């Protein structure tokens, strides 16, 4: 049966629970953490997590008004309690020494295989990423192109809620949801320099039933990136900019297969971004990006406000013409208004081999405004 994308009102999100009481809380300070911004508090965090994860009342607290210096660390489940909570009230700051990441350059804070997990608080996660940006090949062409750590990764975390955090200056991506189901991320502030390379705000891959709600993202790359294996993804009431916009993809790089479906971006504001809402796929890939709705979006001085690019090529040398592509179909754009920084407000660069299908536009009013 062929699925047709439809325009809906997106109100499917609930309120998070009330904060836990102090009874049964585990405080990282009780395990030797100093929180002076200099002392290595990694081992204290590991021990405190082990205590929390093995406890019947599983609440781990990072106290306010302190700054904790932490090297790469994995918080692993499964845990004994039916639900686990992490309250970040202070600041967790990453080591800036690349040698500390020798075992795995891809992650800093990794939360793995934790079910019914809630992360909350008005604290800050600081990736301390300036040294990584400086050594990126996109900033310094004499450097080789290598990955830098994602600041916060949630992998195989089902029934996850992340609420109220500030995440800043990631080494590369800020927050990543991977192989996870039933995720709600709300009231999150993500910030880094407009010049910071590859610093996606929120990245979703191989995940299902993910909601991103009431979130502000200011970065040097995509505010939100949704890539292979993701389905039933909602972004609701998102403010984006600076950055590269809200992206599906890139998909199909290296002749890979990609599948993304049932994505809703509803009520968003984009300010000064280099792209607006974008779907980008490489030639030579396969699979699909389908049933995607962008609606009730306001643009302010945005370049390329609406763009589909089935010929995406993020390399110095031209990409060769290929005879396969990721199929893009059933895409709806509704009630998208504002100003464009480029004369071309809508670009559909579709594949000659496998053209876009089922593109619907309604109530689009984008005006070029010369700076």
Protein backbone atom coordinates (compact mmCIF):
# COMPACT_ATOMS: atom_id res chain seq x y z
CA UNK A 1 0.00 0.00 0.00
CA UNK A 2 1.36 3.39 -0.94
CA UNK A 3 1.67 5.82 1.96
CA UNK A 4 0.64 9.42 1.41
CA UNK A 5 2.18 12.13 3.56
CA UNK A 6 -0.40 14.17 5.41
CA UNK A 7 -0.40 17.49 7.22
CA UNK A 8 -1.36 17.15 10.84
CA UNK A 9 -1.41 19.11 14.06
CA UNK A 10 1.41 17.75 16.22
CA UNK A 11 0.49 17.79 19.89
CA UNK A 12 1.70 14.36 20.95
CA UNK A 13 3.94 15.19 23.86
CA UNK A 14 3.50 14.95 27.59
CA UNK A 15 4.89 16.79 30.59
CA UNK A 16 7.93 15.41 32.32
CA UNK A 17 7.66 14.18 35.88
CA UNK A 18 8.41 16.28 38.92
CA UNK A 19 11.97 16.43 40.23
CA UNK A 20 13.03 13.66 42.55
CA UNK A 21 13.41 14.28 46.27
CA UNK A 22 16.77 14.04 47.98
CA UNK A 23 15.91 10.63 49.42
CA UNK A 24 18.13 8.01 47.83
CA UNK A 25 20.11 10.44 45.69
CA UNK A 26 23.73 9.70 44.86
CA UNK A 27 25.98 12.77 44.81
CA UNK A 28 29.21 12.66 42.79
CA UNK A 29 30.92 14.70 45.53
CA UNK A 30 30.42 11.83 47.97
CA UNK A 31 32.66 9.71 45.75
CA UNK A 32 35.55 12.16 45.66
CA UNK A 33 34.61 14.61 42.92
CA UNK A 34 36.05 18.07 43.61
CA UNK A 35 34.23 20.21 41.06
CA UNK A 36 37.02 22.79 40.99
CA UNK A 37 37.40 22.72 37.20
CA UNK A 38 40.97 21.41 37.47
CA UNK A 39 40.95 18.07 39.30
CA UNK A 40 40.20 15.02 37.17
CA UNK A 41 36.79 13.89 38.42
CA UNK A 42 36.35 11.03 35.95
CA UNK A 43 36.86 8.17 38.42
CA UNK A 44 34.49 9.76 40.92
CA UNK A 45 31.80 9.95 38.22
CA UNK A 46 32.39 6.30 37.28
CA UNK A 47 32.08 5.10 40.87
CA UNK A 48 29.02 7.25 41.52
CA UNK A 49 27.35 5.86 38.41
CA UNK A 50 28.09 2.27 39.43
CA UNK A 51 26.45 2.98 42.79
CA UNK A 52 23.45 4.59 41.11
CA UNK A 53 22.98 1.89 38.51
CA UNK A 54 23.08 -0.86 41.14
CA UNK A 55 20.64 0.95 43.44
CA UNK A 56 16.90 0.50 43.85
CA UNK A 57 16.51 4.29 44.05
CA UNK A 58 18.57 5.42 41.12
CA UNK A 59 19.14 9.20 41.08
CA UNK A 60 22.61 10.60 40.36
CA UNK A 61 23.22 14.29 41.13
CA UNK A 62 25.87 16.63 39.74
CA UNK A 63 25.67 19.59 42.18
CA UNK A 64 25.21 23.19 41.15
CA UNK A 65 27.81 25.97 41.35
CA UNK A 66 30.64 23.57 40.55
CA UNK A 67 32.63 22.68 37.43
CA UNK A 68 33.67 19.06 36.97
CA UNK A 69 36.60 18.16 34.73
CA UNK A 70 35.78 14.83 33.08
CA UNK A 71 37.62 12.71 30.52
CA UNK A 72 35.81 10.29 28.15
CA UNK A 73 33.43 8.13 30.15
CA UNK A 74 30.74 5.52 29.51
CA UNK A 75 27.64 5.28 31.69
CA UNK A 76 26.45 1.74 30.99
CA UNK A 77 23.27 -0.15 31.75
CA UNK A 78 21.24 -2.13 32.28
CA UNK A 79 20.53 -0.82 35.77
CA UNK A 80 18.84 -2.50 38.72
CA UNK A 81 16.08 0.08 39.13
CA UNK A 82 13.11 0.20 36.77
CA UNK A 83 13.98 3.86 36.08
CA UNK A 84 17.12 5.96 36.37
CA UNK A 85 17.56 9.71 36.68
CA UNK A 86 20.58 11.97 36.21
CA UNK A 87 20.27 15.52 37.55
CA UNK A 88 22.89 17.86 36.10
CA UNK A 89 22.83 21.09 38.09
CA UNK A 90 26.46 22.14 37.77
CA UNK A 91 28.88 22.10 34.82
CA UNK A 92 30.59 19.07 33.32
CA UNK A 93 33.58 20.17 31.24
CA UNK A 94 35.54 17.99 28.84
CA UNK A 95 39.25 17.45 28.81
CA UNK A 96 40.78 19.32 25.89
CA UNK A 97 43.78 17.01 25.64
CA UNK A 98 43.35 14.85 22.50
CA UNK A 99 45.52 12.12 24.04
CA UNK A 100 42.76 11.49 26.58
CA UNK A 101 40.60 10.28 23.67
CA UNK A 102 43.16 7.82 22.30
CA UNK A 103 40.93 4.76 22.87
CA UNK A 104 37.90 6.26 21.12
CA UNK A 105 37.99 9.64 19.42
CA UNK A 106 34.30 9.45 18.56
CA UNK A 107 32.70 10.09 21.98
CA UNK A 108 33.08 12.01 25.21
CA UNK A 109 30.01 11.29 27.40
CA UNK A 110 28.38 8.01 26.34
CA UNK A 111 25.13 6.72 27.84
CA UNK A 112 24.68 3.13 26.72
CA UNK A 113 21.85 0.62 27.10
CA UNK A 114 19.94 2.46 29.82
CA UNK A 115 16.17 1.97 29.85
CA UNK A 116 13.60 4.38 31.32
CA UNK A 117 16.29 7.01 31.71
CA UNK A 118 15.73 10.69 32.49
CA UNK A 119 18.40 13.40 32.26
CA UNK A 120 17.36 16.79 33.58
CA UNK A 121 18.60 19.99 35.18
CA UNK A 122 19.64 23.52 34.34
CA UNK A 123 23.31 22.63 34.32
CA UNK A 124 25.81 22.78 31.46
CA UNK A 125 27.67 20.19 29.45
CA UNK A 126 30.73 21.92 27.99
CA UNK A 127 32.60 20.08 25.24
CA UNK A 128 35.53 22.50 25.45
CA UNK A 129 35.84 22.10 21.71
CA UNK A 130 38.00 25.00 20.57
CA UNK A 131 41.19 22.93 20.30
CA UNK A 132 39.35 20.41 18.13
CA UNK A 133 37.92 23.12 15.87
CA UNK A 134 41.37 24.66 15.46
CA UNK A 135 42.78 21.34 14.25
CA UNK A 136 39.89 20.49 11.92
CA UNK A 137 40.74 20.17 8.24
CA UNK A 138 37.84 22.53 7.53
CA UNK A 139 39.62 25.26 9.49
CA UNK A 140 43.26 24.30 8.91
CA UNK A 141 43.73 22.70 5.49
CA UNK A 142 47.17 21.39 6.49
CA UNK A 143 45.50 19.00 8.95
CA UNK A 144 44.15 15.56 7.96
CA UNK A 145 40.37 15.14 8.09
CA UNK A 146 39.58 13.07 11.19
CA UNK A 147 36.61 12.69 13.48
CA UNK A 148 36.30 14.52 16.76
CA UNK A 149 34.22 13.36 19.75
CA UNK A 150 30.47 13.79 19.99
CA UNK A 151 29.86 15.56 23.29
CA UNK A 152 26.83 13.54 24.46
CA UNK A 153 25.79 10.21 22.91
CA UNK A 154 22.73 8.18 23.86
CA UNK A 155 23.03 4.69 22.36
CA UNK A 156 20.39 1.98 22.81
CA UNK A 157 18.55 4.08 25.37
CA UNK A 158 14.82 3.30 25.18
CA UNK A 159 12.17 5.41 26.93
CA UNK A 160 14.54 8.33 27.32
CA UNK A 161 13.75 11.90 28.42
CA UNK A 162 16.28 14.72 28.27
CA UNK A 163 15.07 18.01 29.69
CA UNK A 164 16.40 21.50 30.37
CA UNK A 165 20.11 21.05 29.65
CA UNK A 166 22.60 23.48 28.17
CA UNK A 167 25.10 21.83 25.83
CA UNK A 168 27.86 24.03 24.46
CA UNK A 169 31.06 24.03 22.42
CA UNK A 170 31.04 20.37 21.44
CA UNK A 171 34.19 18.90 19.98
CA UNK A 172 32.08 17.84 16.98
CA UNK A 173 28.37 16.94 17.31
CA UNK A 174 26.64 18.14 20.44
CA UNK A 175 23.93 15.52 21.14
CA UNK A 176 23.38 12.22 19.32
CA UNK A 177 20.53 9.74 19.66
CA UNK A 178 21.50 6.37 18.20
CA UNK A 179 19.67 3.04 18.07
CA UNK A 180 17.16 4.37 20.59
CA UNK A 181 13.37 4.24 20.85
CA UNK A 182 10.81 6.51 22.48
CA UNK A 183 12.95 9.58 23.06
CA UNK A 184 11.78 13.01 24.19
CA UNK A 185 14.29 15.87 24.22
CA UNK A 186 12.82 19.18 25.36
CA UNK A 187 13.84 22.65 26.52
CA UNK A 188 17.44 22.12 25.48
CA UNK A 189 19.83 24.94 24.60
CA UNK A 190 22.68 24.07 22.23
CA UNK A 191 25.31 26.71 21.46
CA UNK A 192 28.66 26.93 19.73
CA UNK A 193 30.48 29.32 17.44
CA UNK A 194 29.10 29.89 13.95
CA UNK A 195 32.59 29.00 12.69
CA UNK A 196 32.83 25.71 14.61
CA UNK A 197 33.10 22.83 12.08
CA UNK A 198 30.78 19.81 12.01
CA UNK A 199 29.08 20.80 15.25
CA UNK A 200 25.58 19.47 14.55
CA UNK A 201 23.19 20.39 17.34
CA UNK A 202 21.03 17.26 17.62
CA UNK A 203 21.77 14.20 15.50
CA UNK A 204 19.36 11.28 15.09
CA UNK A 205 20.34 7.96 13.54
CA UNK A 206 18.85 4.45 13.55
CA UNK A 207 16.22 5.58 16.04
CA UNK A 208 12.44 5.45 16.29
CA UNK A 209 9.81 7.66 17.93
CA UNK A 210 11.97 10.69 18.73
CA UNK A 211 10.56 14.09 19.72
CA UNK A 212 12.64 17.28 19.87
CA UNK A 213 10.56 19.97 21.57
CA UNK A 214 11.01 23.65 22.52
CA UNK A 215 14.70 23.64 21.76
CA UNK A 216 17.09 26.44 20.74
CA UNK A 217 20.13 25.51 18.64
CA UNK A 218 22.97 27.80 17.54
CA UNK A 219 25.90 25.99 15.90
CA UNK A 220 28.35 25.86 13.02
CA UNK A 221 26.58 22.99 11.23
CA UNK A 222 23.09 21.46 11.02
CA UNK A 223 20.84 22.43 13.90
CA UNK A 224 19.13 19.06 13.54
CA UNK A 225 20.34 16.21 11.33
CA UNK A 226 18.24 13.11 10.76
CA UNK A 227 20.00 10.28 9.00
CA UNK A 228 19.80 6.61 8.10
CA UNK A 229 17.50 4.25 9.97
CA UNK A 230 15.33 6.94 11.54
CA UNK A 231 11.53 6.79 11.57
CA UNK A 232 8.74 8.64 13.36
CA UNK A 233 10.77 11.74 14.18
CA UNK A 234 9.18 15.04 15.29
CA UNK A 235 10.80 18.44 15.76
CA UNK A 236 8.33 20.82 17.38
CA UNK A 237 8.88 24.48 18.30
CA UNK A 238 12.56 24.63 17.37
CA UNK A 239 14.61 27.82 16.96
CA UNK A 240 17.66 27.40 14.72
CA UNK A 241 20.44 29.82 13.85
CA UNK A 242 23.19 30.37 13.21
CA UNK A 243 23.83 27.03 11.58
CA UNK A 244 23.14 25.06 8.42
CA UNK A 245 19.42 24.58 9.01
CA UNK A 246 17.35 21.46 9.61
CA UNK A 247 18.51 18.55 7.47
CA UNK A 248 17.40 15.12 6.43
CA UNK A 249 20.72 13.54 5.55
CA UNK A 250 23.13 13.37 4.13
CA UNK A 251 22.07 9.93 2.91
CA UNK A 252 23.60 7.35 0.58
CA UNK A 253 27.26 8.29 0.83
CA UNK A 254 29.65 5.68 -0.53
CA UNK A 255 26.83 3.87 -2.36
CA UNK A 256 25.22 2.98 0.95
CA UNK A 257 21.54 2.20 1.53
CA UNK A 258 19.54 4.72 3.55
CA UNK A 259 16.04 4.67 5.00
CA UNK A 260 14.32 7.64 6.62
CA UNK A 261 10.56 7.92 6.98
CA UNK A 262 7.74 9.71 8.79
CA UNK A 263 9.43 12.95 9.79
CA UNK A 264 7.54 16.05 10.97
CA UNK A 265 9.09 19.49 11.45
CA UNK A 266 6.31 21.61 12.91
CA UNK A 267 6.55 25.20 14.18
CA UNK A 268 10.15 26.23 13.68
CA UNK A 269 12.01 29.52 13.34
CA UNK A 270 15.25 29.73 11.35
CA UNK A 271 17.42 32.84 11.62
CA UNK A 272 20.43 33.58 9.41
CA UNK A 273 21.11 29.95 8.52
CA UNK A 274 22.99 28.86 5.40
CA UNK A 275 20.10 26.53 4.52
CA UNK A 276 16.53 26.28 5.69
CA UNK A 277 14.86 22.88 5.54
CA UNK A 278 16.98 20.55 3.47
CA UNK A 279 17.00 16.98 2.19
CA UNK A 280 20.43 15.95 0.91
CA UNK A 281 21.46 12.66 -0.67
CA UNK A 282 24.55 11.46 -2.49
CA UNK A 283 24.46 10.01 -5.97
CA UNK A 284 25.06 6.28 -6.09
CA UNK A 285 23.15 5.51 -2.91
CA UNK A 286 19.91 3.57 -2.55
CA UNK A 287 16.91 3.40 -0.25
CA UNK A 288 14.50 6.23 0.46
CA UNK A 289 13.57 9.38 2.34
CA UNK A 290 9.78 9.49 2.43
CA UNK A 291 6.70 10.85 4.18
CA UNK A 292 8.29 14.06 5.40
CA UNK A 293 6.35 17.19 6.41
CA UNK A 294 7.72 20.70 6.97
CA UNK A 295 4.98 23.03 8.21
CA UNK A 296 4.45 26.32 10.06
CA UNK A 297 8.01 27.53 9.62
CA UNK A 298 9.27 31.11 9.72
CA UNK A 299 12.50 32.11 7.99
CA UNK A 300 14.53 35.24 8.66
CA UNK A 301 17.44 36.04 6.32
CA UNK A 302 17.90 32.37 5.44
CA UNK A 303 19.90 31.20 2.41
CA UNK A 304 18.31 28.40 0.38
CA UNK A 305 15.13 28.28 2.49
CA UNK A 306 13.77 25.13 0.85
CA UNK A 307 16.14 22.71 -0.80
CA UNK A 308 16.20 19.13 -2.02
CA UNK A 309 19.59 18.04 -3.33
CA UNK A 310 19.85 14.51 -4.68
CA UNK A 311 23.28 15.37 -6.06
CA UNK A 312 24.90 16.36 -2.76
CA UNK A 313 28.70 16.40 -2.93
CA UNK A 314 30.71 17.54 0.10
CA UNK A 315 34.22 17.16 -1.29
CA UNK A 316 36.78 19.28 -3.10
CA UNK A 317 36.76 17.29 -6.35
CA UNK A 318 33.52 16.94 -8.35
CA UNK A 319 31.44 13.84 -7.69
CA UNK A 320 31.01 11.52 -10.66
CA UNK A 321 27.58 11.00 -12.20
CA UNK A 322 26.00 7.80 -10.85
CA UNK A 323 23.15 5.63 -12.11
CA UNK A 324 21.45 5.10 -8.73
CA UNK A 325 20.04 7.38 -6.04
CA UNK A 326 18.14 7.54 -2.77
CA UNK A 327 14.45 7.87 -3.65
CA UNK A 328 12.81 11.03 -2.28
CA UNK A 329 9.02 10.88 -2.19
CA UNK A 330 5.92 12.20 -0.44
CA UNK A 331 7.33 15.50 0.83
CA UNK A 332 5.01 18.28 2.05
CA UNK A 333 5.88 21.96 2.57
CA UNK A 334 3.08 23.99 4.19
CA UNK A 335 2.88 27.52 5.57
CA UNK A 336 6.52 28.48 5.22
CA UNK A 337 7.05 32.24 5.26
CA UNK A 338 9.74 34.87 5.73
CA UNK A 339 12.79 36.34 4.04
CA UNK A 340 15.50 34.72 1.96
CA UNK A 341 19.13 35.85 1.75
CA UNK A 342 19.34 34.26 -1.72
CA UNK A 343 17.31 34.97 -4.86
CA UNK A 344 16.65 31.25 -5.25
CA UNK A 345 14.22 30.50 -2.45
CA UNK A 346 13.24 26.99 -3.54
CA UNK A 347 15.69 24.53 -5.10
CA UNK A 348 14.73 21.03 -6.16
CA UNK A 349 17.93 19.48 -7.54
CA UNK A 350 16.49 16.04 -8.20
CA UNK A 351 18.20 13.00 -9.66
CA UNK A 352 17.93 12.32 -13.38
CA UNK A 353 17.96 8.61 -12.63
CA UNK A 354 15.40 8.53 -9.80
CA UNK A 355 13.58 11.89 -9.65
CA UNK A 356 11.73 13.25 -6.64
CA UNK A 357 8.10 12.12 -6.35
CA UNK A 358 5.03 13.51 -4.63
CA UNK A 359 6.29 16.99 -3.72
CA UNK A 360 3.48 19.18 -2.32
CA UNK A 361 3.75 22.93 -1.62
CA UNK A 362 1.02 24.99 0.03
CA UNK A 363 1.01 28.54 1.42
CA UNK A 364 4.67 29.29 0.71
CA UNK A 365 5.62 32.98 0.92
CA UNK A 366 9.37 33.57 0.84
CA UNK A 367 10.68 36.98 -0.21
CA UNK A 368 14.24 37.74 -1.26
CA UNK A 369 15.66 40.50 0.90
CA UNK A 370 18.95 41.94 -0.31
CA UNK A 371 21.41 42.61 2.51
